[in-house]
Amino acid sequence: MHHLYSPLSAGLFRGAIGHSGTPIGHLNNCYRTLEEDLAEGAKLVEAAGCEGASDVASCMKEAPYEVLEAFPFQAKGVVDGGAAEEPFLPEAPEDIMASGNFNQVHKKCGAEAAEKQKQNEQLQ
């Protein structure tokens, strides 16, 4: 669903179907700031034993699969405004939504009943 909020995805699709949660807000922990993502990446580099390597990318390619698999990493959208010449997600999704500057396409979203209950518990 992050493609709805990315200017780089404009014109690439005419509709979106989302399921299980929302990319809006840290309530659902669906995105990280650039600083959070860099810190998470640094933890992974350290866990793989590549901290201080002269070529971190090469070191990570050689890291044992078991080390990488055991790392509790979750793929999430990253607010990369200011970090890239053409950021994928220039602002937090809720800010883009509030400004109305998102990809205006037909949307269909759904969630499981248990997910709704979990979200309600988080709000209380």
C-alpha atoms as a PDB file:
ATOM      1  CA  MET A   1       0.000   0.000   0.000  1.00  0.00           C
ATOM      2  CA  HIS A   2       2.989   2.336   0.323  1.00  0.00           C
ATOM      3  CA  HIS A   3       2.800   2.804  -3.456  1.00  0.00           C
ATOM      4  CA  LEU A   4      -0.345   4.882  -2.869  1.00  0.00           C
ATOM      5  CA  TYR A   5       1.800   7.488  -1.118  1.00  0.00           C
ATOM      6  CA  SER A   6       4.868   7.439  -3.372  1.00  0.00           C
ATOM      7  CA  PRO A   7       5.300  10.022  -6.121  1.00  0.00           C
ATOM      8  CA  LEU A   8       7.568   7.489  -7.887  1.00  0.00           C
ATOM      9  CA  SER A   9       4.563   5.192  -8.354  1.00  0.00           C
ATOM     10  CA  ALA A  10       2.315   7.811  -9.980  1.00  0.00           C
ATOM     11  CA  GLY A  11       0.610   6.438 -13.079  1.00  0.00           C
ATOM     12  CA  LEU A  12       1.886   2.879 -12.581  1.00  0.00           C
ATOM     13  CA  PHE A  13      -1.431   1.406 -11.416  1.00  0.00           C
ATOM     14  CA  ARG A  14      -5.127   2.213 -11.574  1.00  0.00           C
ATOM     15  CA  GLY A  15      -6.293   0.566  -8.359  1.00  0.00           C
ATOM     16  CA  ALA A  16      -5.032  -0.944  -5.124  1.00  0.00           C
ATOM     17  CA  ILE A  17      -6.140  -3.798  -2.891  1.00  0.00           C
ATOM     18  CA  GLY A  18      -4.874  -3.811   0.668  1.00  0.00           C
ATOM     19  CA  HIS A  19      -5.285  -6.418   3.361  1.00  0.00           C
ATOM     20  CA  SER A  20      -4.182  -6.767   6.954  1.00  0.00           C
ATOM     21  CA  GLY A  21      -3.490  -3.397   8.430  1.00  0.00           C
ATOM     22  CA  THR A  22      -2.614   0.030   7.165  1.00  0.00           C
ATOM     23  CA  PRO A  23       0.543   1.934   6.267  1.00  0.00           C
ATOM     24  CA  ILE A  24      -0.851   4.952   8.137  1.00  0.00           C
ATOM     25  CA  GLY A  25       0.924   5.854  11.346  1.00  0.00           C
ATOM     26  CA  HIS A  26       3.190   4.157  13.824  1.00  0.00           C
ATOM     27  CA  LEU A  27       0.062   2.663  15.434  1.00  0.00           C
ATOM     28  CA  ASN A  28       0.523  -0.362  13.209  1.00  0.00           C
ATOM     29  CA  ASN A  29       4.309  -0.041  13.065  1.00  0.00           C
ATOM     30  CA  CYS A  30       4.237  -0.216   9.257  1.00  0.00           C
ATOM     31  CA  TYR A  31       7.083   2.142   8.445  1.00  0.00           C
ATOM     32  CA  ARG A  32      10.303   3.468   9.915  1.00  0.00           C
ATOM     33  CA  THR A  33      12.003   6.817   9.741  1.00  0.00           C
ATOM     34  CA  LEU A  34      15.310   6.843   7.879  1.00  0.00           C
ATOM     35  CA  GLU A  35      17.139   7.080  11.220  1.00  0.00           C
ATOM     36  CA  GLU A  36      15.281   4.033  12.568  1.00  0.00           C
ATOM     37  CA  ASP A  37      16.025   2.071   9.418  1.00  0.00           C
ATOM     38  CA  LEU A  38      19.734   2.946   9.493  1.00  0.00           C
ATOM     39  CA  ALA A  39      19.910   1.869  13.150  1.00  0.00           C
ATOM     40  CA  GLU A  40      18.150  -1.420  12.329  1.00  0.00           C
ATOM     41  CA  GLY A  41      20.545  -2.004   9.433  1.00  0.00           C
ATOM     42  CA  ALA A  42      23.538  -1.327  11.691  1.00  0.00           C
ATOM     43  CA  LYS A  43      22.268  -3.994  14.117  1.00  0.00           C
ATOM     44  CA  LEU A  44      22.041  -6.489  11.250  1.00  0.00           C
ATOM     45  CA  VAL A  45      25.568  -5.618  10.060  1.00  0.00           C
ATOM     46  CA  GLU A  46      26.837  -6.137  13.617  1.00  0.00           C
ATOM     47  CA  ALA A  47      24.973  -9.451  14.014  1.00  0.00           C
ATOM     48  CA  ALA A  48      26.555 -10.666  10.769  1.00  0.00           C
ATOM     49  CA  GLY A  49      30.027  -9.741  12.031  1.00  0.00           C
ATOM     50  CA  CYS A  50      30.522  -7.134   9.306  1.00  0.00           C
ATOM     51  CA  GLU A  51      30.838  -4.045  11.492  1.00  0.00           C
ATOM     52  CA  GLY A  52      34.074  -2.289  10.566  1.00  0.00           C
ATOM     53  CA  ALA A  53      34.544  -4.302   7.360  1.00  0.00           C
ATOM     54  CA  SER A  54      36.195  -2.350   4.544  1.00  0.00           C
ATOM     55  CA  ASP A  55      33.464  -3.568   2.165  1.00  0.00           C
ATOM     56  CA  VAL A  56      30.298  -4.107   4.188  1.00  0.00           C
ATOM     57  CA  ALA A  57      28.219  -5.173   1.157  1.00  0.00           C
ATOM     58  CA  SER A  58      30.688  -7.939   0.249  1.00  0.00           C
ATOM     59  CA  CYS A  59      30.887  -9.054   3.868  1.00  0.00           C
ATOM     60  CA  MET A  60      27.081  -9.253   4.119  1.00  0.00           C
ATOM     61  CA  LYS A  61      26.957 -11.344   0.941  1.00  0.00           C
ATOM     62  CA  GLU A  62      29.265 -13.855   2.631  1.00  0.00           C
ATOM     63  CA  ALA A  63      27.434 -13.860   5.989  1.00  0.00           C
ATOM     64  CA  PRO A  64      26.080 -17.254   7.064  1.00  0.00           C
ATOM     65  CA  TYR A  65      22.427 -17.746   6.168  1.00  0.00           C
ATOM     66  CA  GLU A  66      21.635 -18.880   9.732  1.00  0.00           C
ATOM     67  CA  VAL A  67      22.844 -15.561  11.155  1.00  0.00           C
ATOM     68  CA  LEU A  68      20.721 -13.536   8.762  1.00  0.00           C
ATOM     69  CA  GLU A  69      17.679 -15.790   9.180  1.00  0.00           C
ATOM     70  CA  ALA A  70      17.832 -15.502  12.974  1.00  0.00           C
ATOM     71  CA  PHE A  71      17.893 -11.690  12.909  1.00  0.00           C
ATOM     72  CA  PRO A  72      14.455 -10.278  13.872  1.00  0.00           C
ATOM     73  CA  PHE A  73      14.168  -7.960  10.877  1.00  0.00           C
ATOM     74  CA  GLN A  74      10.837  -6.872   9.395  1.00  0.00           C
ATOM     75  CA  ALA A  75      10.547  -5.318   5.958  1.00  0.00           C
ATOM     76  CA  LYS A  76       8.767  -1.988   6.277  1.00  0.00           C
ATOM     77  CA  GLY A  77       8.393   1.199   4.323  1.00  0.00           C
ATOM     78  CA  VAL A  78      11.029   3.833   5.036  1.00  0.00           C
ATOM     79  CA  VAL A  79      10.369   7.560   5.045  1.00  0.00           C
ATOM     80  CA  ASP A  80      13.361   8.547   2.910  1.00  0.00           C
ATOM     81  CA  GLY A  81      12.631  12.201   2.205  1.00  0.00           C
ATOM     82  CA  GLY A  82      15.845  14.191   2.330  1.00  0.00           C
ATOM     83  CA  ALA A  83      17.987  11.069   1.897  1.00  0.00           C
ATOM     84  CA  ALA A  84      17.470  10.444  -1.793  1.00  0.00           C
ATOM     85  CA  GLU A  85      17.293  12.681  -4.835  1.00  0.00           C
ATOM     86  CA  GLU A  86      13.922  11.110  -5.643  1.00  0.00           C
ATOM     87  CA  PRO A  87      12.571   9.581  -2.412  1.00  0.00           C
ATOM     88  CA  PHE A  88      10.068   6.734  -2.615  1.00  0.00           C
ATOM     89  CA  LEU A  89       8.285   7.850   0.559  1.00  0.00           C
ATOM     90  CA  PRO A  90       9.119  11.560   1.018  1.00  0.00           C
ATOM     91  CA  GLU A  91       6.979  12.000   4.156  1.00  0.00           C
ATOM     92  CA  ALA A  92       5.097   9.869   6.649  1.00  0.00           C
ATOM     93  CA  PRO A  93       2.097   8.264   4.901  1.00  0.00           C
ATOM     94  CA  GLU A  94      -0.405  10.009   7.196  1.00  0.00           C
ATOM     95  CA  ASP A  95       1.092  13.409   6.284  1.00  0.00           C
ATOM     96  CA  ILE A  96       0.900  12.606   2.576  1.00  0.00           C
ATOM     97  CA  MET A  97      -2.701  11.445   3.021  1.00  0.00           C
ATOM     98  CA  ALA A  98      -3.630  14.620   4.930  1.00  0.00           C
ATOM     99  CA  SER A  99      -2.128  16.811   2.206  1.00  0.00           C
ATOM    100  CA  GLY A 100      -4.109  14.985  -0.490  1.00  0.00           C
ATOM    101  CA  ASN A 101      -0.894  14.559  -2.479  1.00  0.00           C
ATOM    102  CA  PHE A 102      -1.131  10.798  -2.990  1.00  0.00           C
ATOM    103  CA  ASN A 103      -1.991   8.567  -5.931  1.00  0.00           C
ATOM    104  CA  GLN A 104      -5.750   8.962  -6.342  1.00  0.00           C
ATOM    105  CA  VAL A 105      -6.898   5.518  -7.461  1.00  0.00           C
ATOM    106  CA  HIS A 106      -9.718   3.167  -6.502  1.00  0.00           C
ATOM    107  CA  LYS A 107      -8.884   1.371  -3.253  1.00  0.00           C
ATOM    108  CA  LYS A 108     -10.276  -1.715  -1.575  1.00  0.00           C
ATOM    109  CA  CYS A 109      -9.025  -2.583   1.910  1.00  0.00           C
ATOM    110  CA  GLY A 110      -9.836  -5.334   4.354  1.00  0.00           C
ATOM    111  CA  ALA A 111      -8.711  -6.866   7.627  1.00  0.00           C
ATOM    112  CA  GLU A 112      -9.382  -9.955   9.692  1.00  0.00           C
ATOM    113  CA  ALA A 113     -11.566  -9.654  12.794  1.00  0.00           C
ATOM    114  CA  ALA A 114      -8.640 -10.611  15.062  1.00  0.00           C
ATOM    115  CA  GLU A 115      -6.520  -7.808  13.592  1.00  0.00           C
ATOM    116  CA  LYS A 116      -9.242  -5.267  14.324  1.00  0.00           C
ATOM    117  CA  GLN A 117      -9.379  -6.485  17.919  1.00  0.00           C
ATOM    118  CA  LYS A 118      -5.593  -6.102  18.261  1.00  0.00           C
ATOM    119  CA  GLN A 119      -5.770  -2.555  16.853  1.00  0.00           C
ATOM    120  CA  ASN A 120      -8.536  -1.652  19.301  1.00  0.00           C
ATOM    121  CA  GLU A 121      -6.459  -3.001  22.200  1.00  0.00           C
ATOM    122  CA  GLN A 122      -3.499  -0.855  21.086  1.00  0.00           C
ATOM    123  CA  LEU A 123      -5.690   2.240  21.140  1.00  0.00           C
ATOM    124  CA  GLN A 124      -6.808   1.720  24.730  1.00  0.00           C
END
